[in-house]
Amino acid sequence: MLSFSSKTDSTTKLVIFMTMTFMIADGPIGVVSLAQGILMEKNMMDQLMTAVQVISILNIFVTFNASIHCIICLLVSSPYRDTAKSIFCCREENPNTIFKSSRVSASGMSNARAQKISN
């Protein structure tokens, strides 16, 4: 019971951390974009150009946040790690599974379904 509570607590901390970093990175862009709309209506071109430059600088933080998001999740969350491993075929085949995982294109979906039904 203790391990389930610990996993839930870890997941909650991860979600809160990711939410806060997203809000810190993207929040200022929303505020500056709102100010940009007000400046556009008042025809204040110098301040408008400054707002555009500030948004360009703030986009660096958004890009950095998005880039490290995956790395943080891989380091902290074991379900995320397991899913990433299964997507990139880095897992061992389990002989007890009913369905074998394989990558198929959209055109091959009907063949994959037929194969699963016949097995």
PDB file of N, CA and C in Angstrom:
ATOM      1  N   MET A   1       0.830  -1.197   0.000  1.00  0.00           N
ATOM      2  CA  MET A   1       0.000   0.000   0.000  1.00  0.00           C
ATOM      3  C   MET A   1       0.866   1.249   0.000  1.00  0.00           C
ATOM      4  N   LEU A   2       1.988   1.178   0.674  1.00  0.00           N
ATOM      5  CA  LEU A   2       2.883   2.318   0.754  1.00  0.00           C
ATOM      6  C   LEU A   2       3.469   2.651  -0.616  1.00  0.00           C
ATOM      7  N   SER A   3       3.792   1.613  -1.419  1.00  0.00           N
ATOM      8  CA  SER A   3       4.392   1.863  -2.725  1.00  0.00           C
ATOM      9  C   SER A   3       3.391   2.536  -3.669  1.00  0.00           C
ATOM     10  N   PHE A   4       2.102   2.157  -3.604  1.00  0.00           N
ATOM     11  CA  PHE A   4       1.087   2.799  -4.436  1.00  0.00           C
ATOM     12  C   PHE A   4       0.959   4.273  -4.080  1.00  0.00           C
ATOM     13  N   SER A   5       0.952   4.587  -2.801  1.00  0.00           N
ATOM     14  CA  SER A   5       0.871   5.974  -2.350  1.00  0.00           C
ATOM     15  C   SER A   5       2.095   6.760  -2.795  1.00  0.00           C
ATOM     16  N   SER A   6       3.255   6.124  -2.734  1.00  0.00           N
ATOM     17  CA  SER A   6       4.493   6.773  -3.154  1.00  0.00           C
ATOM     18  C   SER A   6       4.481   7.073  -4.647  1.00  0.00           C
ATOM     19  N   LYS A   7       3.972   6.115  -5.460  1.00  0.00           N
ATOM     20  CA  LYS A   7       3.886   6.322  -6.905  1.00  0.00           C
ATOM     21  C   LYS A   7       2.909   7.440  -7.228  1.00  0.00           C
ATOM     22  N   THR A   8       1.786   7.465  -6.530  1.00  0.00           N
ATOM     23  CA  THR A   8       0.795   8.508  -6.749  1.00  0.00           C
ATOM     24  C   THR A   8       1.376   9.865  -6.381  1.00  0.00           C
ATOM     25  N   ASP A   9       2.093   9.922  -5.262  1.00  0.00           N
ATOM     26  CA  ASP A   9       2.712  11.171  -4.831  1.00  0.00           C
ATOM     27  C   ASP A   9       3.755  11.641  -5.846  1.00  0.00           C
ATOM     28  N   SER A  10       4.553  10.705  -6.364  1.00  0.00           N
ATOM     29  CA  SER A  10       5.564  11.040  -7.363  1.00  0.00           C
ATOM     30  C   SER A  10       4.921  11.560  -8.644  1.00  0.00           C
ATOM     31  N   THR A  11       3.830  10.916  -9.059  1.00  0.00           N
ATOM     32  CA  THR A  11       3.118  11.351 -10.265  1.00  0.00           C
ATOM     33  C   THR A  11       2.514  12.731 -10.055  1.00  0.00           C
ATOM     34  N   THR A  12       1.956  12.959  -8.892  1.00  0.00           N
ATOM     35  CA  THR A  12       1.374  14.262  -8.593  1.00  0.00           C
ATOM     36  C   THR A  12       2.441  15.348  -8.622  1.00  0.00           C
ATOM     37  N   LYS A  13       3.599  15.064  -8.039  1.00  0.00           N
ATOM     38  CA  LYS A  13       4.690  16.038  -8.057  1.00  0.00           C
ATOM     39  C   LYS A  13       5.146  16.316  -9.486  1.00  0.00           C
ATOM     40  N   LEU A  14       5.213  15.268 -10.306  1.00  0.00           N
ATOM     41  CA  LEU A  14       5.622  15.438 -11.700  1.00  0.00           C
ATOM     42  C   LEU A  14       4.629  16.313 -12.460  1.00  0.00           C
ATOM     43  N   VAL A  15       3.343  16.047 -12.273  1.00  0.00           N
ATOM     44  CA  VAL A  15       2.311  16.833 -12.957  1.00  0.00           C
ATOM     45  C   VAL A  15       2.353  18.289 -12.496  1.00  0.00           C
ATOM     46  N   ILE A  16       2.492  18.509 -11.195  1.00  0.00           N
ATOM     47  CA  ILE A  16       2.565  19.885 -10.681  1.00  0.00           C
ATOM     48  C   ILE A  16       3.805  20.594 -11.219  1.00  0.00           C
ATOM     49  N   PHE A  17       4.944  19.904 -11.229  1.00  0.00           N
ATOM     50  CA  PHE A  17       6.178  20.499 -11.738  1.00  0.00           C
ATOM     51  C   PHE A  17       6.041  20.867 -13.213  1.00  0.00           C
ATOM     52  N   MET A  18       5.506  19.961 -14.010  1.00  0.00           N
ATOM     53  CA  MET A  18       5.349  20.228 -15.451  1.00  0.00           C
ATOM     54  C   MET A  18       4.343  21.360 -15.694  1.00  0.00           C
ATOM     55  N   THR A  19       3.292  21.393 -14.916  1.00  0.00           N
ATOM     56  CA  THR A  19       2.303  22.471 -15.058  1.00  0.00           C
ATOM     57  C   THR A  19       2.915  23.818 -14.712  1.00  0.00           C
ATOM     58  N   MET A  20       3.667  23.858 -13.629  1.00  0.00           N
ATOM     59  CA  MET A  20       4.288  25.125 -13.224  1.00  0.00           C
ATOM     60  C   MET A  20       5.313  25.605 -14.250  1.00  0.00           C
ATOM     61  N   THR A  21       6.155  24.690 -14.753  1.00  0.00           N
ATOM     62  CA  THR A  21       7.143  25.112 -15.752  1.00  0.00           C
ATOM     63  C   THR A  21       6.466  25.575 -17.038  1.00  0.00           C
ATOM     64  N   PHE A  22       5.360  24.927 -17.401  1.00  0.00           N
ATOM     65  CA  PHE A  22       4.614  25.366 -18.581  1.00  0.00           C
ATOM     66  C   PHE A  22       4.044  26.764 -18.359  1.00  0.00           C
ATOM     67  N   MET A  23       3.459  26.994 -17.191  1.00  0.00           N
ATOM     68  CA  MET A  23       2.864  28.311 -16.916  1.00  0.00           C
ATOM     69  C   MET A  23       3.928  29.400 -16.849  1.00  0.00           C
ATOM     70  N   ILE A  24       5.093  29.078 -16.271  1.00  0.00           N
ATOM     71  CA  ILE A  24       6.172  30.067 -16.190  1.00  0.00           C
ATOM     72  C   ILE A  24       6.719  30.383 -17.571  1.00  0.00           C
ATOM     73  N   ALA A  25       6.813  29.371 -18.433  1.00  0.00           N
ATOM     74  CA  ALA A  25       7.360  29.587 -19.771  1.00  0.00           C
ATOM     75  C   ALA A  25       6.349  30.259 -20.700  1.00  0.00           C
ATOM     76  N   ASP A  26       5.085  29.829 -20.654  1.00  0.00           N
ATOM     77  CA  ASP A  26       4.087  30.329 -21.610  1.00  0.00           C
ATOM     78  C   ASP A  26       3.266  31.502 -21.108  1.00  0.00           C
ATOM     79  N   GLY A  27       3.150  31.670 -19.803  1.00  0.00           N
ATOM     80  CA  GLY A  27       2.331  32.756 -19.250  1.00  0.00           C
ATOM     81  C   GLY A  27       2.749  34.141 -19.713  1.00  0.00           C
ATOM     82  N   PRO A  28       4.044  34.474 -19.626  1.00  0.00           N
ATOM     83  CA  PRO A  28       4.461  35.809 -20.068  1.00  0.00           C
ATOM     84  C   PRO A  28       4.173  36.081 -21.543  1.00  0.00           C
ATOM     85  N   ILE A  29       4.224  35.047 -22.373  1.00  0.00           N
ATOM     86  CA  ILE A  29       3.911  35.251 -23.791  1.00  0.00           C
ATOM     87  C   ILE A  29       2.453  35.656 -23.951  1.00  0.00           C
ATOM     88  N   GLY A  30       1.580  35.057 -23.170  1.00  0.00           N
ATOM     89  CA  GLY A  30       0.170  35.437 -23.223  1.00  0.00           C
ATOM     90  C   GLY A  30      -0.053  36.874 -22.797  1.00  0.00           C
ATOM     91  N   VAL A  31       0.640  37.295 -21.745  1.00  0.00           N
ATOM     92  CA  VAL A  31       0.502  38.678 -21.260  1.00  0.00           C
ATOM     93  C   VAL A  31       1.027  39.661 -22.299  1.00  0.00           C
ATOM     94  N   VAL A  32       2.203  39.355 -22.875  1.00  0.00           N
ATOM     95  CA  VAL A  32       2.780  40.259 -23.874  1.00  0.00           C
ATOM     96  C   VAL A  32       1.925  40.265 -25.146  1.00  0.00           C
ATOM     97  N   SER A  33       1.362  39.135 -25.511  1.00  0.00           N
ATOM     98  CA  SER A  33       0.485  39.094 -26.693  1.00  0.00           C
ATOM     99  C   SER A  33      -0.768  39.930 -26.470  1.00  0.00           C
ATOM    100  N   LEU A  34      -1.302  39.892 -25.262  1.00  0.00           N
ATOM    101  CA  LEU A  34      -2.459  40.731 -24.928  1.00  0.00           C
ATOM    102  C   LEU A  34      -2.081  42.204 -25.023  1.00  0.00           C
ATOM    103  N   ALA A  35      -0.916  42.542 -24.478  1.00  0.00           N
ATOM    104  CA  ALA A  35      -0.445  43.930 -24.572  1.00  0.00           C
ATOM    105  C   ALA A  35      -0.204  44.323 -26.022  1.00  0.00           C
ATOM    106  N   GLN A  36       0.266  43.377 -26.805  1.00  0.00           N
ATOM    107  CA  GLN A  36       0.505  43.637 -28.229  1.00  0.00           C
ATOM    108  C   GLN A  36      -0.803  44.006 -28.939  1.00  0.00           C
ATOM    109  N   GLY A  37      -1.865  43.310 -28.613  1.00  0.00           N
ATOM    110  CA  GLY A  37      -3.163  43.646 -29.212  1.00  0.00           C
ATOM    111  C   GLY A  37      -3.636  45.029 -28.814  1.00  0.00           C
ATOM    112  N   ILE A  38      -3.433  45.399 -27.560  1.00  0.00           N
ATOM    113  CA  ILE A  38      -3.822  46.739 -27.089  1.00  0.00           C
ATOM    114  C   ILE A  38      -2.974  47.805 -27.780  1.00  0.00           C
ATOM    115  N   LEU A  39      -1.665  47.544 -27.896  1.00  0.00           N
ATOM    116  CA  LEU A  39      -0.774  48.505 -28.554  1.00  0.00           C
ATOM    117  C   LEU A  39      -1.111  48.669 -30.030  1.00  0.00           C
ATOM    118  N   MET A  40      -1.557  47.593 -30.652  1.00  0.00           N
ATOM    119  CA  MET A  40      -1.916  47.666 -32.064  1.00  0.00           C
ATOM    120  C   MET A  40      -3.134  48.569 -32.263  1.00  0.00           C
ATOM    121  N   GLU A  41      -4.107  48.453 -31.359  1.00  0.00           N
ATOM    122  CA  GLU A  41      -5.303  49.293 -31.451  1.00  0.00           C
ATOM    123  C   GLU A  41      -4.985  50.765 -31.243  1.00  0.00           C
ATOM    124  N   LYS A  42      -4.006  51.048 -30.381  1.00  0.00           N
ATOM    125  CA  LYS A  42      -3.652  52.435 -30.091  1.00  0.00           C
ATOM    126  C   LYS A  42      -2.591  52.974 -31.054  1.00  0.00           C
ATOM    127  N   ASN A  43      -2.179  52.132 -32.016  1.00  0.00           N
ATOM    128  CA  ASN A  43      -1.227  52.533 -33.055  1.00  0.00           C
ATOM    129  C   ASN A  43       0.105  53.000 -32.450  1.00  0.00           C
ATOM    130  N   MET A  44       0.605  52.253 -31.488  1.00  0.00           N
ATOM    131  CA  MET A  44       1.878  52.568 -30.833  1.00  0.00           C
ATOM    132  C   MET A  44       2.947  51.627 -31.389  1.00  0.00           C
ATOM    133  N   MET A  45       3.517  51.992 -32.538  1.00  0.00           N
ATOM    134  CA  MET A  45       4.400  51.109 -33.282  1.00  0.00           C
ATOM    135  C   MET A  45       5.722  50.814 -32.574  1.00  0.00           C
ATOM    136  N   ASP A  46       6.330  51.777 -31.904  1.00  0.00           N
ATOM    137  CA  ASP A  46       7.606  51.536 -31.222  1.00  0.00           C
ATOM    138  C   ASP A  46       7.438  50.495 -30.116  1.00  0.00           C
ATOM    139  N   GLN A  47       6.394  50.653 -29.316  1.00  0.00           N
ATOM    140  CA  GLN A  47       6.136  49.701 -28.238  1.00  0.00           C
ATOM    141  C   GLN A  47       5.729  48.344 -28.817  1.00  0.00           C
ATOM    142  N   LEU A  48       5.038  48.367 -29.951  1.00  0.00           N
ATOM    143  CA  LEU A  48       4.620  47.128 -30.603  1.00  0.00           C
ATOM    144  C   LEU A  48       5.838  46.325 -31.063  1.00  0.00           C
ATOM    145  N   MET A  49       6.832  47.015 -31.613  1.00  0.00           N
ATOM    146  CA  MET A  49       8.062  46.342 -32.041  1.00  0.00           C
ATOM    147  C   MET A  49       8.821  45.773 -30.835  1.00  0.00           C
ATOM    148  N   THR A  50       8.796  46.484 -29.728  1.00  0.00           N
ATOM    149  CA  THR A  50       9.427  45.982 -28.505  1.00  0.00           C
ATOM    150  C   THR A  50       8.721  44.721 -28.025  1.00  0.00           C
ATOM    151  N   ALA A  51       7.400  44.725 -28.099  1.00  0.00           N
ATOM    152  CA  ALA A  51       6.622  43.547 -27.690  1.00  0.00           C
ATOM    153  C   ALA A  51       6.952  42.342 -28.575  1.00  0.00           C
ATOM    154  N   VAL A  52       7.125  42.581 -29.865  1.00  0.00           N
ATOM    155  CA  VAL A  52       7.490  41.491 -30.780  1.00  0.00           C
ATOM    156  C   VAL A  52       8.860  40.915 -30.397  1.00  0.00           C
ATOM    157  N   GLN A  53       9.795  41.772 -30.053  1.00  0.00           N
ATOM    158  CA  GLN A  53      11.128  41.311 -29.657  1.00  0.00           C
ATOM    159  C   GLN A  53      11.081  40.548 -28.327  1.00  0.00           C
ATOM    160  N   VAL A  54      10.260  41.010 -27.410  1.00  0.00           N
ATOM    161  CA  VAL A  54      10.120  40.317 -26.123  1.00  0.00           C
ATOM    162  C   VAL A  54       9.522  38.925 -26.334  1.00  0.00           C
ATOM    163  N   ILE A  55       8.533  38.826 -27.214  1.00  0.00           N
ATOM    164  CA  ILE A  55       7.935  37.519 -27.512  1.00  0.00           C
ATOM    165  C   ILE A  55       8.980  36.581 -28.121  1.00  0.00           C
ATOM    166  N   SER A  56       9.829  37.115 -28.994  1.00  0.00           N
ATOM    167  CA  SER A  56      10.892  36.286 -29.582  1.00  0.00           C
ATOM    168  C   SER A  56      11.834  35.754 -28.513  1.00  0.00           C
ATOM    169  N   ILE A  57      12.168  36.575 -27.547  1.00  0.00           N
ATOM    170  CA  ILE A  57      13.049  36.138 -26.456  1.00  0.00           C
ATOM    171  C   ILE A  57      12.325  35.114 -25.570  1.00  0.00           C
ATOM    172  N   LEU A  58      11.066  35.360 -25.266  1.00  0.00           N
ATOM    173  CA  LEU A  58      10.317  34.431 -24.414  1.00  0.00           C
ATOM    174  C   LEU A  58      10.109  33.082 -25.094  1.00  0.00           C
ATOM    175  N   ASN A  59      10.073  33.059 -26.421  1.00  0.00           N
ATOM    176  CA  ASN A  59       9.934  31.791 -27.144  1.00  0.00           C
ATOM    177  C   ASN A  59      11.134  30.878 -26.905  1.00  0.00           C
ATOM    178  N   ILE A  60      12.272  31.440 -26.562  1.00  0.00           N
ATOM    179  CA  ILE A  60      13.443  30.620 -26.223  1.00  0.00           C
ATOM    180  C   ILE A  60      13.134  29.777 -24.987  1.00  0.00           C
ATOM    181  N   PHE A  61      12.473  30.368 -23.991  1.00  0.00           N
ATOM    182  CA  PHE A  61      12.118  29.628 -22.780  1.00  0.00           C
ATOM    183  C   PHE A  61      11.097  28.536 -23.069  1.00  0.00           C
ATOM    184  N   VAL A  62      10.154  28.821 -23.952  1.00  0.00           N
ATOM    185  CA  VAL A  62       9.151  27.818 -24.321  1.00  0.00           C
ATOM    186  C   VAL A  62       9.833  26.648 -25.031  1.00  0.00           C
ATOM    187  N   THR A  63      10.749  26.950 -25.936  1.00  0.00           N
ATOM    188  CA  THR A  63      11.470  25.901 -26.655  1.00  0.00           C
ATOM    189  C   THR A  63      12.302  25.061 -25.698  1.00  0.00           C
ATOM    190  N   PHE A  64      12.985  25.707 -24.766  1.00  0.00           N
ATOM    191  CA  PHE A  64      13.790  24.995 -23.773  1.00  0.00           C
ATOM    192  C   PHE A  64      12.908  24.106 -22.905  1.00  0.00           C
ATOM    193  N   ASN A  65      11.780  24.631 -22.459  1.00  0.00           N
ATOM    194  CA  ASN A  65      10.849  23.864 -21.629  1.00  0.00           C
ATOM    195  C   ASN A  65      10.340  22.636 -22.384  1.00  0.00           C
ATOM    196  N   ALA A  66       9.964  22.826 -23.643  1.00  0.00           N
ATOM    197  CA  ALA A  66       9.467  21.704 -24.434  1.00  0.00           C
ATOM    198  C   ALA A  66      10.566  20.678 -24.694  1.00  0.00           C
ATOM    199  N   SER A  67      11.792  21.143 -24.836  1.00  0.00           N
ATOM    200  CA  SER A  67      12.910  20.233 -25.115  1.00  0.00           C
ATOM    201  C   SER A  67      13.261  19.364 -23.918  1.00  0.00           C
ATOM    202  N   ILE A  68      13.204  19.918 -22.729  1.00  0.00           N
ATOM    203  CA  ILE A  68      13.594  19.133 -21.550  1.00  0.00           C
ATOM    204  C   ILE A  68      12.425  18.375 -20.931  1.00  0.00           C
ATOM    205  N   HIS A  69      11.209  18.645 -21.375  1.00  0.00           N
ATOM    206  CA  HIS A  69      10.026  17.966 -20.839  1.00  0.00           C
ATOM    207  C   HIS A  69      10.166  16.446 -20.966  1.00  0.00           C
ATOM    208  N   CYS A  70      10.532  15.978 -22.131  1.00  0.00           N
ATOM    209  CA  CYS A  70      10.674  14.543 -22.370  1.00  0.00           C
ATOM    210  C   CYS A  70      11.761  13.952 -21.481  1.00  0.00           C
ATOM    211  N   ILE A  71      12.870  14.641 -21.357  1.00  0.00           N
ATOM    212  CA  ILE A  71      13.991  14.147 -20.556  1.00  0.00           C
ATOM    213  C   ILE A  71      13.587  14.037 -19.079  1.00  0.00           C
ATOM    214  N   ILE A  72      12.909  15.042 -18.577  1.00  0.00           N
ATOM    215  CA  ILE A  72      12.475  15.015 -17.177  1.00  0.00           C
ATOM    216  C   ILE A  72      11.499  13.865 -16.939  1.00  0.00           C
ATOM    217  N   CYS A  73      10.561  13.691 -17.850  1.00  0.00           N
ATOM    218  CA  CYS A  73       9.599  12.591 -17.696  1.00  0.00           C
ATOM    219  C   CYS A  73      10.298  11.237 -17.742  1.00  0.00           C
ATOM    220  N   LEU A  74      11.279  11.086 -18.628  1.00  0.00           N
ATOM    221  CA  LEU A  74      12.016   9.825 -18.701  1.00  0.00           C
ATOM    222  C   LEU A  74      12.788   9.549 -17.416  1.00  0.00           C
ATOM    223  N   LEU A  75      13.319  10.589 -16.800  1.00  0.00           N
ATOM    224  CA  LEU A  75      14.092  10.413 -15.578  1.00  0.00           C
ATOM    225  C   LEU A  75      13.213  10.145 -14.358  1.00  0.00           C
ATOM    226  N   VAL A  76      12.038  10.736 -14.313  1.00  0.00           N
ATOM    227  CA  VAL A  76      11.215  10.693 -13.107  1.00  0.00           C
ATOM    228  C   VAL A  76      10.134   9.614 -13.149  1.00  0.00           C
ATOM    229  N   SER A  77       9.525   9.399 -14.297  1.00  0.00           N
ATOM    230  CA  SER A  77       8.342   8.548 -14.370  1.00  0.00           C
ATOM    231  C   SER A  77       8.658   7.192 -14.994  1.00  0.00           C
ATOM    232  N   SER A  78       8.524   6.127 -14.215  1.00  0.00           N
ATOM    233  CA  SER A  78       8.776   4.791 -14.762  1.00  0.00           C
ATOM    234  C   SER A  78       7.703   4.364 -15.774  1.00  0.00           C
ATOM    235  N   PRO A  79       6.414   4.698 -15.606  1.00  0.00           N
ATOM    236  CA  PRO A  79       5.456   4.357 -16.671  1.00  0.00           C
ATOM    237  C   PRO A  79       5.781   5.057 -17.994  1.00  0.00           C
ATOM    238  N   TYR A  80       6.229   6.293 -17.913  1.00  0.00           N
ATOM    239  CA  TYR A  80       6.624   7.028 -19.120  1.00  0.00           C
ATOM    240  C   TYR A  80       7.820   6.340 -19.769  1.00  0.00           C
ATOM    241  N   ARG A  81       8.788   5.918 -18.950  1.00  0.00           N
ATOM    242  CA  ARG A  81       9.973   5.204 -19.452  1.00  0.00           C
ATOM    243  C   ARG A  81       9.569   3.909 -20.134  1.00  0.00           C
ATOM    244  N   ASP A  82       8.681   3.151 -19.495  1.00  0.00           N
ATOM    245  CA  ASP A  82       8.238   1.874 -20.061  1.00  0.00           C
ATOM    246  C   ASP A  82       7.518   2.074 -21.389  1.00  0.00           C
ATOM    247  N   THR A  83       6.685   3.100 -21.454  1.00  0.00           N
ATOM    248  CA  THR A  83       5.975   3.385 -22.696  1.00  0.00           C
ATOM    249  C   THR A  83       6.937   3.796 -23.792  1.00  0.00           C
ATOM    250  N   ALA A  84       7.899   4.636 -23.462  1.00  0.00           N
ATOM    251  CA  ALA A  84       8.896   5.059 -24.457  1.00  0.00           C
ATOM    252  C   ALA A  84       9.699   3.861 -24.951  1.00  0.00           C
ATOM    253  N   LYS A  85      10.056   2.962 -24.053  1.00  0.00           N
ATOM    254  CA  LYS A  85      10.790   1.761 -24.457  1.00  0.00           C
ATOM    255  C   LYS A  85       9.951   0.897 -25.380  1.00  0.00           C
ATOM    256  N   SER A  86       8.671   0.750 -25.066  1.00  0.00           N
ATOM    257  CA  SER A  86       7.824  -0.095 -25.904  1.00  0.00           C
ATOM    258  C   SER A  86       7.580   0.535 -27.277  1.00  0.00           C
ATOM    259  N   ILE A  87       7.521   1.843 -27.338  1.00  0.00           N
ATOM    260  CA  ILE A  87       7.320   2.510 -28.625  1.00  0.00           C
ATOM    261  C   ILE A  87       8.541   2.369 -29.515  1.00  0.00           C
ATOM    262  N   PHE A  88       9.720   2.476 -28.920  1.00  0.00           N
ATOM    263  CA  PHE A  88      10.947   2.423 -29.697  1.00  0.00           C
ATOM    264  C   PHE A  88      11.550   1.016 -29.748  1.00  0.00           C
ATOM    265  N   CYS A  89      10.751  -0.001 -29.445  1.00  0.00           N
ATOM    266  CA  CYS A  89      11.126  -1.417 -29.565  1.00  0.00           C
ATOM    267  C   CYS A  89      12.366  -1.782 -28.771  1.00  0.00           C
ATOM    268  N   CYS A  90      12.493  -1.302 -27.582  1.00  0.00           N
ATOM    269  CA  CYS A  90      13.635  -1.633 -26.728  1.00  0.00           C
ATOM    270  C   CYS A  90      13.212  -2.536 -25.597  1.00  0.00           C
ATOM    271  N   ARG A  91      12.228  -3.339 -25.805  1.00  0.00           N
ATOM    272  CA  ARG A  91      11.765  -4.212 -24.725  1.00  0.00           C
ATOM    273  C   ARG A  91      11.862  -5.665 -25.171  1.00  0.00           C
ATOM    274  N   GLU A  92      11.861  -6.537 -24.210  1.00  0.00           N
ATOM    275  CA  GLU A  92      11.909  -7.961 -24.494  1.00  0.00           C
ATOM    276  C   GLU A  92      10.503  -8.439 -24.833  1.00  0.00           C
ATOM    277  N   GLU A  93      10.440  -9.420 -25.723  1.00  0.00           N
ATOM    278  CA  GLU A  93       9.153 -10.004 -26.060  1.00  0.00           C
ATOM    279  C   GLU A  93       8.687 -10.884 -24.907  1.00  0.00           C
ATOM    280  N   ASN A  94       7.459 -10.722 -24.520  1.00  0.00           N
ATOM    281  CA  ASN A  94       6.872 -11.538 -23.473  1.00  0.00           C
ATOM    282  C   ASN A  94       6.103 -12.669 -24.150  1.00  0.00           C
ATOM    283  N   PRO A  95       6.479 -13.931 -23.932  1.00  0.00           N
ATOM    284  CA  PRO A  95       5.801 -15.038 -24.622  1.00  0.00           C
ATOM    285  C   PRO A  95       4.354 -15.219 -24.176  1.00  0.00           C
ATOM    286  N   ASN A  96       3.943 -14.606 -23.078  1.00  0.00           N
ATOM    287  CA  ASN A  96       2.580 -14.753 -22.577  1.00  0.00           C
ATOM    288  C   ASN A  96       1.610 -13.749 -23.174  1.00  0.00           C
ATOM    289  N   THR A  97       2.083 -12.829 -24.015  1.00  0.00           N
ATOM    290  CA  THR A  97       1.171 -11.848 -24.590  1.00  0.00           C
ATOM    291  C   THR A  97       0.365 -12.463 -25.720  1.00  0.00           C
ATOM    292  N   ILE A  98      -0.835 -12.011 -25.865  1.00  0.00           N
ATOM    293  CA  ILE A  98      -1.724 -12.516 -26.911  1.00  0.00           C
ATOM    294  C   ILE A  98      -1.395 -11.852 -28.246  1.00  0.00           C
ATOM    295  N   PHE A  99      -1.188 -10.534 -28.209  1.00  0.00           N
ATOM    296  CA  PHE A  99      -0.923  -9.785 -29.431  1.00  0.00           C
ATOM    297  C   PHE A  99       0.549  -9.447 -29.516  1.00  0.00           C
ATOM    298  N   LYS A 100       1.103  -9.600 -30.683  1.00  0.00           N
ATOM    299  CA  LYS A 100       2.488  -9.201 -30.899  1.00  0.00           C
ATOM    300  C   LYS A 100       2.486  -7.787 -31.440  1.00  0.00           C
ATOM    301  N   SER A 101       3.342  -6.947 -30.882  1.00  0.00           N
ATOM    302  CA  SER A 101       3.387  -5.569 -31.338  1.00  0.00           C
ATOM    303  C   SER A 101       4.217  -5.490 -32.602  1.00  0.00           C
ATOM    304  N   SER A 102       3.714  -4.727 -33.550  1.00  0.00           N
ATOM    305  CA  SER A 102       4.454  -4.475 -34.781  1.00  0.00           C
ATOM    306  C   SER A 102       4.036  -3.122 -35.310  1.00  0.00           C
ATOM    307  N   ARG A 103       4.947  -2.511 -36.011  1.00  0.00           N
ATOM    308  CA  ARG A 103       4.635  -1.213 -36.595  1.00  0.00           C
ATOM    309  C   ARG A 103       4.011  -1.437 -37.961  1.00  0.00           C
ATOM    310  N   VAL A 104       2.836  -0.858 -38.138  1.00  0.00           N
ATOM    311  CA  VAL A 104       2.161  -0.981 -39.429  1.00  0.00           C
ATOM    312  C   VAL A 104       1.731   0.398 -39.883  1.00  0.00           C
ATOM    313  N   SER A 105       1.668   0.547 -41.182  1.00  0.00           N
ATOM    314  CA  SER A 105       1.195   1.815 -41.724  1.00  0.00           C
ATOM    315  C   SER A 105      -0.325   1.801 -41.715  1.00  0.00           C
ATOM    316  N   ALA A 106      -0.908   2.938 -42.035  1.00  0.00           N
ATOM    317  CA  ALA A 106      -2.368   3.039 -42.056  1.00  0.00           C
ATOM    318  C   ALA A 106      -2.950   2.091 -43.094  1.00  0.00           C
ATOM    319  N   SER A 107      -2.246   1.886 -44.213  1.00  0.00           N
ATOM    320  CA  SER A 107      -2.756   0.987 -45.248  1.00  0.00           C
ATOM    321  C   SER A 107      -2.668  -0.473 -44.814  1.00  0.00           C
ATOM    322  N   GLY A 108      -1.756  -0.776 -43.898  1.00  0.00           N
ATOM    323  CA  GLY A 108      -1.596  -2.140 -43.432  1.00  0.00           C
ATOM    324  C   GLY A 108      -2.437  -2.473 -42.222  1.00  0.00           C
ATOM    325  N   MET A 109      -3.299  -1.580 -41.796  1.00  0.00           N
ATOM    326  CA  MET A 109      -4.103  -1.811 -40.596  1.00  0.00           C
ATOM    327  C   MET A 109      -5.034  -3.007 -40.767  1.00  0.00           C
ATOM    328  N   SER A 110      -5.683  -3.155 -41.924  1.00  0.00           N
ATOM    329  CA  SER A 110      -6.620  -4.260 -42.099  1.00  0.00           C
ATOM    330  C   SER A 110      -5.883  -5.596 -42.088  1.00  0.00           C
ATOM    331  N   ASN A 111      -4.663  -5.640 -42.648  1.00  0.00           N
ATOM    332  CA  ASN A 111      -3.868  -6.876 -42.617  1.00  0.00           C
ATOM    333  C   ASN A 111      -3.470  -7.229 -41.199  1.00  0.00           C
ATOM    334  N   ALA A 112      -3.100  -6.220 -40.396  1.00  0.00           N
ATOM    335  CA  ALA A 112      -2.708  -6.468 -39.006  1.00  0.00           C
ATOM    336  C   ALA A 112      -3.898  -6.977 -38.208  1.00  0.00           C
ATOM    337  N   ARG A 113      -5.070  -6.440 -38.437  1.00  0.00           N
ATOM    338  CA  ARG A 113      -6.263  -6.883 -37.727  1.00  0.00           C
ATOM    339  C   ARG A 113      -6.593  -8.318 -38.103  1.00  0.00           C
ATOM    340  N   ALA A 114      -6.500  -8.628 -39.386  1.00  0.00           N
ATOM    341  CA  ALA A 114      -6.796  -9.974 -39.844  1.00  0.00           C
ATOM    342  C   ALA A 114      -5.805 -10.969 -39.249  1.00  0.00           C
ATOM    343  N   GLN A 115      -4.545 -10.585 -39.129  1.00  0.00           N
ATOM    344  CA  GLN A 115      -3.522 -11.434 -38.553  1.00  0.00           C
ATOM    345  C   GLN A 115      -3.813 -11.697 -37.085  1.00  0.00           C
ATOM    346  N   LYS A 116      -4.227 -10.680 -36.352  1.00  0.00           N
ATOM    347  CA  LYS A 116      -4.535 -10.843 -34.923  1.00  0.00           C
ATOM    348  C   LYS A 116      -5.745 -11.739 -34.721  1.00  0.00           C
ATOM    349  N   ILE A 117      -6.734 -11.633 -35.607  1.00  0.00           N
ATOM    350  CA  ILE A 117      -7.938 -12.447 -35.480  1.00  0.00           C
ATOM    351  C   ILE A 117      -7.633 -13.906 -35.770  1.00  0.00           C
ATOM    352  N   SER A 118      -6.779 -14.150 -36.783  1.00  0.00           N
ATOM    353  CA  SER A 118      -6.469 -15.527 -37.148  1.00  0.00           C
ATOM    354  C   SER A 118      -5.624 -16.222 -36.098  1.00  0.00           C
ATOM    355  N   ASN A 119      -4.830 -15.460 -35.331  1.00  0.00           N
ATOM    356  CA  ASN A 119      -4.002 -16.065 -34.270  1.00  0.00           C
ATOM    357  C   ASN A 119      -4.887 -16.372 -33.117  1.00  0.00           C
TER     358      ASN A 119
END
